[in-house]
Amino acid sequence: MLRLLLIAVGALALGLSATPALAQDKGLRCMAASYTPAQRQQMAELGPRARFADASGPNAAADALSDVAMDAVVHCITESGWGEDAAMFATFYELGRVNEAAFRQSGELSSEDLRRLDTALARGDRTALWDAIERGVWAGVADSDVGASDADAMVLGTFMLESGLGLNEQTANRVGVLLGFMGLQRVGQREFRALQ
């Protein structure tokens, strides 16, 4: 996750001087629309090979996936003339979106676990869960070594039990990574739209 945030910061160092008039109807869809067929193929091949929660060393597939995503982000920053804040939140959104899709293909969670997770997310009021996840996203952005608060850990643990995923540490870590990617998208989308 730290590497993704460093990439996002690096994108902000680029020249952001494109004409704002080009931003019409581009929004966050710009990035998904800007991938070439070759990039889409590359992403499809990298997704199943990428490791996020299980990575204990270099993760070439995940790094390459982020690089492809950043090509689209940089293209849209330049074409749309987004300011620094909009560029940062667009980067959050796209890295979260691309990495969520890759994580779902990676096999780190079984299809049954993904089904349980998605079913649980669709039930009831998940405001407390998303608030806890987003606090974790912001802690990652700040490069904070502070873990989840006791209250946030309780919210996440309760969600794991309610979802039927249990409290296995490995599964919890994997679910946390996936929820982090989803939270990164939520933060990026909400904050990007607030700037428009």
Protein backbone atom coordinates (compact mmCIF):
# COMPACT_ATOMS: atom_id res chain seq x y z
CA MET A 1 0.00 0.00 0.00
CA LEU A 2 2.89 2.36 0.79
CA ARG A 3 4.25 1.92 -2.76
CA LEU A 4 0.85 2.92 -4.17
CA LEU A 5 0.85 6.07 -2.09
CA LEU A 6 4.40 6.93 -3.15
CA ILE A 7 3.32 6.55 -6.78
CA ALA A 8 0.40 8.89 -6.10
CA VAL A 9 2.70 11.51 -4.63
CA GLY A 10 5.04 11.12 -7.61
CA ALA A 11 2.18 11.80 -9.99
CA LEU A 12 1.59 15.10 -8.26
CA ALA A 13 5.15 16.15 -9.02
CA LEU A 14 4.32 16.11 -12.75
CA GLY A 15 3.53 19.31 -14.57
CA LEU A 16 -0.18 19.95 -14.13
CA SER A 17 -0.53 22.79 -16.59
CA ALA A 18 -3.02 21.42 -19.13
CA THR A 19 -5.98 23.59 -20.05
CA PRO A 20 -8.90 23.15 -17.61
CA ALA A 21 -11.37 23.41 -20.51
CA LEU A 22 -10.27 19.92 -21.54
CA ALA A 23 -11.76 18.54 -18.33
CA GLN A 24 -15.32 18.61 -19.69
CA ASP A 25 -17.05 15.25 -19.09
CA LYS A 26 -13.77 13.53 -18.33
CA GLY A 27 -14.03 13.04 -14.60
CA LEU A 28 -12.87 9.79 -13.09
CA ARG A 29 -14.06 7.83 -16.13
CA CYS A 30 -11.19 9.32 -18.09
CA MET A 31 -8.71 6.81 -16.71
CA ALA A 32 -10.67 3.64 -17.48
CA ALA A 33 -11.35 5.00 -20.97
CA SER A 34 -7.70 5.81 -21.67
CA TYR A 35 -6.20 2.31 -21.49
CA THR A 36 -5.02 0.96 -24.82
CA PRO A 37 -5.95 -2.59 -25.85
CA ALA A 38 -2.34 -3.61 -25.11
CA GLN A 39 -2.55 -2.10 -21.61
CA ARG A 40 -5.87 -3.84 -20.95
CA GLN A 41 -4.31 -7.14 -22.00
CA GLN A 42 -1.29 -6.50 -19.80
CA MET A 43 -3.54 -5.73 -16.83
CA ALA A 44 -5.57 -8.90 -17.44
CA GLU A 45 -2.35 -10.93 -17.38
CA LEU A 46 -0.88 -9.17 -14.34
CA GLY A 47 -3.99 -9.32 -12.13
CA PRO A 48 -3.92 -13.05 -11.37
CA ARG A 49 -0.15 -12.93 -10.73
CA ALA A 50 -0.17 -9.93 -8.42
CA ARG A 51 0.11 -10.55 -4.69
CA PHE A 52 -1.02 -7.97 -2.21
CA ALA A 53 -1.65 -9.53 1.20
CA ASP A 54 0.72 -12.44 0.64
CA ALA A 55 3.65 -10.43 -0.68
CA SER A 56 6.70 -10.87 1.51
CA GLY A 57 9.22 -9.55 -0.99
CA PRO A 58 9.36 -7.84 -4.36
CA ASN A 59 6.02 -7.95 -6.12
CA ALA A 60 6.81 -7.37 -9.78
CA ALA A 61 3.28 -8.05 -11.04
CA ALA A 62 1.62 -5.64 -8.59
CA ASP A 63 4.28 -3.01 -9.28
CA ALA A 64 3.81 -3.35 -13.05
CA LEU A 65 0.05 -3.12 -12.62
CA SER A 66 0.42 0.13 -10.68
CA ASP A 67 2.75 1.47 -13.37
CA VAL A 68 0.14 0.79 -16.08
CA ALA A 69 -2.54 2.47 -13.97
CA MET A 70 -0.30 5.48 -13.43
CA ASP A 71 0.13 5.86 -17.19
CA ALA A 72 -3.65 6.34 -17.42
CA VAL A 73 -3.68 8.69 -14.43
CA VAL A 74 -0.90 10.86 -15.86
CA HIS A 75 -2.65 10.93 -19.25
CA CYS A 76 -5.87 12.18 -17.64
CA ILE A 77 -4.09 14.70 -15.41
CA THR A 78 -2.48 16.17 -18.50
CA GLU A 79 -5.55 16.00 -20.76
CA SER A 80 -8.06 17.19 -18.17
CA GLY A 81 -6.00 19.88 -16.49
CA TRP A 82 -6.75 18.71 -12.98
CA GLY A 83 -5.24 20.70 -10.15
CA GLU A 84 -3.00 19.08 -7.56
CA ASP A 85 -5.79 17.98 -5.21
CA ALA A 86 -7.98 16.60 -8.00
CA ALA A 87 -4.96 14.75 -9.41
CA MET A 88 -4.21 13.22 -6.02
CA PHE A 89 -7.77 12.02 -5.48
CA ALA A 90 -8.05 10.72 -9.05
CA THR A 91 -4.85 8.77 -8.38
CA PHE A 92 -6.33 7.30 -5.19
CA TYR A 93 -9.46 6.31 -7.06
CA GLU A 94 -7.75 4.65 -10.00
CA LEU A 95 -5.11 2.80 -7.99
CA GLY A 96 -7.85 1.55 -5.69
CA ARG A 97 -10.05 0.50 -8.61
CA VAL A 98 -7.32 -1.29 -10.55
CA ASN A 99 -5.87 -3.00 -7.51
CA GLU A 100 -9.28 -4.11 -6.25
CA ALA A 101 -9.96 -5.77 -9.60
CA ALA A 102 -6.53 -7.42 -9.59
CA PHE A 103 -6.92 -8.58 -5.98
CA ARG A 104 -10.22 -10.22 -6.87
CA GLN A 105 -8.42 -12.13 -9.66
CA SER A 106 -5.36 -13.01 -7.58
CA GLY A 107 -6.86 -15.96 -5.72
CA GLU A 108 -5.77 -14.55 -2.37
CA LEU A 109 -9.41 -14.86 -1.32
CA SER A 110 -11.52 -17.73 -2.59
CA SER A 111 -14.58 -17.05 -4.72
CA GLU A 112 -16.68 -18.14 -1.72
CA ASP A 113 -14.90 -15.65 0.56
CA LEU A 114 -15.41 -12.89 -2.01
CA ARG A 115 -19.10 -13.79 -2.25
CA ARG A 116 -19.45 -13.67 1.54
CA LEU A 117 -17.63 -10.34 1.68
CA ASP A 118 -19.73 -8.74 -1.06
CA THR A 119 -22.97 -10.07 0.43
CA ALA A 120 -22.05 -8.72 3.87
CA LEU A 121 -21.08 -5.32 2.45
CA ALA A 122 -24.47 -5.06 0.73
CA ARG A 123 -26.40 -5.71 3.96
CA GLY A 124 -27.30 -3.11 6.54
CA ASP A 125 -25.65 0.15 7.42
CA ARG A 126 -21.89 -0.10 6.89
CA THR A 127 -21.11 3.51 7.78
CA ALA A 128 -19.02 2.55 10.82
CA LEU A 129 -17.07 0.00 8.76
CA TRP A 130 -16.31 2.45 5.95
CA ASP A 131 -15.38 5.14 8.45
CA ALA A 132 -12.87 2.72 10.03
CA ILE A 133 -11.50 1.70 6.62
CA GLU A 134 -11.15 5.32 5.50
CA ARG A 135 -9.31 6.23 8.70
CA GLY A 136 -6.89 3.46 7.76
CA VAL A 137 -6.55 4.88 4.24
CA TRP A 138 -5.74 8.32 5.63
CA ALA A 139 -3.22 6.80 8.07
CA GLY A 140 -1.57 5.13 5.08
CA VAL A 141 -1.49 8.42 3.18
CA ALA A 142 0.18 10.01 6.19
CA ASP A 143 2.59 7.04 6.31
CA SER A 144 1.59 6.49 9.92
CA ASP A 145 2.75 3.36 11.70
CA VAL A 146 -0.18 3.64 14.07
CA GLY A 147 -2.45 0.62 13.77
CA ALA A 148 -6.21 0.59 13.95
CA SER A 149 -7.73 1.94 17.14
CA ASP A 150 -9.40 -0.55 19.47
CA ALA A 151 -12.79 0.75 18.32
CA ASP A 152 -11.91 0.32 14.63
CA ALA A 153 -10.49 -3.15 15.30
CA MET A 154 -13.77 -4.05 16.99
CA VAL A 155 -15.79 -2.80 14.00
CA LEU A 156 -13.62 -4.79 11.59
CA GLY A 157 -13.73 -7.92 13.77
CA THR A 158 -17.50 -7.71 14.07
CA PHE A 159 -17.78 -7.37 10.30
CA MET A 160 -15.57 -10.43 9.78
CA LEU A 161 -17.77 -12.51 12.10
CA GLU A 162 -21.04 -11.23 10.61
CA SER A 163 -19.81 -11.97 7.10
CA GLY A 164 -19.04 -15.59 7.91
CA LEU A 165 -15.35 -15.08 7.13
CA GLY A 166 -14.29 -15.80 10.71
CA LEU A 167 -11.32 -14.32 12.52
CA ASN A 168 -8.48 -16.24 10.89
CA GLU A 169 -5.55 -13.80 10.85
CA GLN A 170 -4.54 -14.57 7.26
CA THR A 171 -8.09 -14.14 5.95
CA ALA A 172 -8.58 -10.99 8.01
CA ASN A 173 -5.39 -9.53 6.55
CA ARG A 174 -6.54 -10.33 3.01
CA VAL A 175 -10.00 -8.88 3.61
CA GLY A 176 -8.34 -5.79 5.09
CA VAL A 177 -6.24 -5.31 1.96
CA LEU A 178 -9.29 -5.61 -0.29
CA LEU A 179 -11.34 -3.26 1.87
CA GLY A 180 -8.39 -0.85 1.82
CA PHE A 181 -8.47 -0.77 -1.99
CA MET A 182 -12.22 -0.20 -1.88
CA GLY A 183 -11.77 2.53 0.73
CA LEU A 184 -9.10 4.19 -1.40
CA GLN A 185 -11.64 4.38 -4.24
CA ARG A 186 -14.35 5.77 -1.95
CA VAL A 187 -12.07 8.50 -0.62
CA GLY A 188 -10.77 9.32 -4.09
CA GLN A 189 -14.21 9.48 -5.67
CA ARG A 190 -15.84 11.51 -2.90
CA GLU A 191 -13.03 14.04 -2.60
CA PHE A 192 -12.55 14.35 -6.38
CA ARG A 193 -16.27 15.06 -6.85
CA ALA A 194 -16.23 17.59 -4.01
CA LEU A 195 -13.62 19.58 -5.98
CA GLN A 196 -15.73 19.72 -9.14
